[in-house]
Amino acid sequence: MIQDAHANTRGKVASNSKESGSALIRSDLPLWTKCTCHRMPEVSAQLMRLHVVTPKAPVTVILNPRVQPTSKEPIYHTGEAPIHLEWARYYILRFPYIYAGPHGTVQRSHEATMSGKLLANCVEVQYIPKH
C-alpha cells in the first residue's frame, strides 16, 4: 500500500481522509520503491495495480494513466482517449511488469530505491450537476 507519494506502508492505512486521497492522486507516484518486507538484501517493489472504486454519486471518474519508467524514457500511455469509468463500480488497472521502448527493455536500478513514476493526475473526478 502507498500511504503518500514518498512513503509506502505495511498493512492498512489508518486514514480515510478525502484530502490524503486527493493529494495522493495529484502527486507523481514511484513506479519502483524499496520493498517493506524484511528480506535481505533489500529489494525493490514495483507498482503493479491501481484500484479505483467509483462512488454512487453524480460524478464522472476518468483514468488517464501515464508512466515514465526513467527520466530518459518516453511517457507510456494507453494509446487511447482517457477512460471514463461507470459509477458505483470497482476497477483494477494493471500495469506492465516489463517496459520496452525504442532502445529495448527498460532496466530498473538494481538498488532498492525510488525510481520511475506514474504521473500525477492519472485519476480525475468531475462533478455532474443534476438538472
Protein backbone atom coordinates (compact mmCIF):
# COMPACT_ATOMS: atom_id res chain seq x y z
CA MET A 1 0.00 0.00 0.00
CA ILE A 2 1.13 3.53 -0.68
CA GLN A 3 0.46 5.99 2.09
CA ASP A 4 1.71 9.03 0.23
CA ALA A 5 3.87 9.80 -2.77
CA HIS A 6 7.09 9.38 -0.81
CA ALA A 7 6.29 6.58 1.65
CA ASN A 8 4.76 3.16 1.44
CA THR A 9 3.22 1.37 4.38
CA ARG A 10 2.70 -2.13 5.69
CA GLY A 11 -0.87 -3.22 6.23
CA LYS A 12 -3.89 -0.97 6.40
CA VAL A 13 -3.79 2.78 6.08
CA ALA A 14 -5.46 4.32 9.12
CA SER A 15 -6.65 7.50 7.43
CA ASN A 16 -9.86 7.70 5.42
CA SER A 17 -9.34 11.36 4.70
CA LYS A 18 -10.55 12.70 1.36
CA GLU A 19 -7.68 15.18 1.48
CA SER A 20 -5.00 12.50 1.69
CA GLY A 21 -6.55 10.60 -1.23
CA SER A 22 -6.80 13.78 -3.26
CA ALA A 23 -3.18 14.67 -2.52
CA LEU A 24 -2.11 11.15 -3.49
CA ILE A 25 -3.65 11.28 -6.98
CA ARG A 26 -2.27 14.80 -7.55
CA SER A 27 1.29 13.53 -6.95
CA ASP A 28 3.74 11.57 -9.07
CA LEU A 29 3.84 8.05 -7.61
CA PRO A 30 7.03 5.97 -7.74
CA LEU A 31 6.98 3.03 -10.13
CA TRP A 32 9.65 1.22 -8.10
CA THR A 33 10.33 1.72 -4.41
CA LYS A 34 12.05 -0.07 -1.55
CA CYS A 35 10.05 -3.14 -0.50
CA THR A 36 8.67 -3.05 3.04
CA CYS A 37 9.48 -6.73 3.52
CA HIS A 38 12.38 -7.69 5.79
CA ARG A 39 14.25 -9.53 3.05
CA MET A 40 17.99 -9.09 2.86
CA PRO A 41 19.44 -7.81 0.66
CA GLU A 42 16.83 -5.11 0.18
CA VAL A 43 14.74 -5.48 -2.96
CA SER A 44 12.50 -3.19 -4.98
CA ALA A 45 8.72 -3.34 -5.05
CA GLN A 46 7.01 -2.42 -8.32
CA LEU A 47 3.69 -0.62 -8.78
CA MET A 48 1.57 -3.30 -10.44
CA ARG A 49 -2.06 -2.28 -9.86
CA LEU A 50 -4.19 0.76 -9.23
CA HIS A 51 -7.51 0.04 -7.52
CA VAL A 52 -10.30 2.53 -8.22
CA VAL A 53 -13.74 2.47 -6.58
CA THR A 54 -16.18 4.86 -8.21
CA PRO A 55 -18.79 6.43 -5.94
CA LYS A 56 -22.53 6.16 -6.25
CA ALA A 57 -22.76 9.91 -6.82
CA PRO A 58 -23.25 12.36 -9.70
CA VAL A 59 -19.58 12.33 -10.75
CA THR A 60 -17.56 11.02 -13.65
CA VAL A 61 -14.24 9.33 -12.87
CA ILE A 62 -11.70 9.49 -15.69
CA LEU A 63 -8.49 7.45 -15.91
CA ASN A 64 -5.56 8.73 -17.93
CA PRO A 65 -2.57 6.67 -16.76
CA ARG A 66 0.84 7.89 -17.94
CA VAL A 67 4.01 6.12 -16.82
CA GLN A 68 7.63 7.24 -17.19
CA PRO A 69 9.93 4.34 -16.20
CA THR A 70 13.08 6.51 -16.24
CA SER A 71 13.81 10.16 -16.95
CA LYS A 72 15.43 9.07 -20.25
CA GLU A 73 12.43 7.10 -21.49
CA PRO A 74 9.29 8.38 -23.22
CA ILE A 75 5.97 8.53 -21.40
CA TYR A 76 3.90 5.37 -21.78
CA HIS A 77 0.11 5.68 -22.05
CA THR A 78 -2.87 3.59 -23.16
CA GLY A 79 -2.79 4.98 -26.70
CA GLU A 80 -6.47 5.78 -26.38
CA ALA A 81 -8.51 8.71 -25.17
CA PRO A 82 -8.89 8.93 -21.37
CA ILE A 83 -11.05 6.12 -19.98
CA HIS A 84 -14.42 7.12 -18.48
CA LEU A 85 -15.47 4.79 -15.65
CA GLU A 86 -19.05 3.93 -14.73
CA TRP A 87 -20.39 4.92 -11.31
CA ALA A 88 -20.64 2.51 -8.34
CA ARG A 89 -18.03 0.08 -9.69
CA TYR A 90 -14.69 -1.41 -8.63
CA TYR A 91 -11.88 -1.27 -11.21
CA ILE A 92 -8.33 -2.59 -11.21
CA LEU A 93 -5.83 -1.03 -13.62
CA ARG A 94 -2.91 -3.41 -14.19
CA PHE A 95 0.48 -2.01 -15.15
CA PRO A 96 3.08 -3.88 -17.23
CA TYR A 97 5.74 -5.92 -15.45
CA ILE A 98 8.33 -5.00 -18.09
CA TYR A 99 8.55 -1.76 -20.05
CA ALA A 100 10.16 -1.76 -23.51
CA GLY A 101 10.95 1.25 -25.63
CA PRO A 102 12.66 2.03 -28.92
CA HIS A 103 16.03 1.10 -27.39
CA GLY A 104 14.87 -2.21 -25.89
CA THR A 105 13.81 -3.23 -22.41
CA VAL A 106 13.90 -0.56 -19.71
CA GLN A 107 16.32 -1.67 -17.00
CA ARG A 108 15.42 -0.64 -13.48
CA SER A 109 18.03 0.09 -10.87
CA HIS A 110 19.45 -2.93 -9.05
CA GLU A 111 19.38 -0.93 -5.82
CA ALA A 112 16.18 -0.67 -3.77
CA THR A 113 15.47 2.98 -4.47
CA MET A 114 12.51 5.02 -5.71
CA SER A 115 12.57 5.34 -9.48
CA GLY A 116 10.21 5.78 -12.38
CA LYS A 117 6.83 7.37 -11.87
CA LEU A 118 3.13 7.18 -12.51
CA LEU A 119 2.50 10.79 -13.47
CA ALA A 120 0.20 12.94 -11.36
CA ASN A 121 -3.49 13.40 -12.10
CA CYS A 122 -3.99 9.95 -13.63
CA VAL A 123 -7.40 9.87 -11.92
CA GLU A 124 -9.76 12.79 -12.38
CA VAL A 125 -13.18 13.27 -10.80
CA GLN A 126 -15.69 15.61 -12.42
CA TYR A 127 -18.96 16.65 -10.82
CA ILE A 128 -22.06 16.26 -12.99
CA PRO A 129 -24.81 18.62 -11.81
CA LYS A 130 -28.35 17.23 -11.77
CA HIS A 131 -30.88 19.15 -13.81
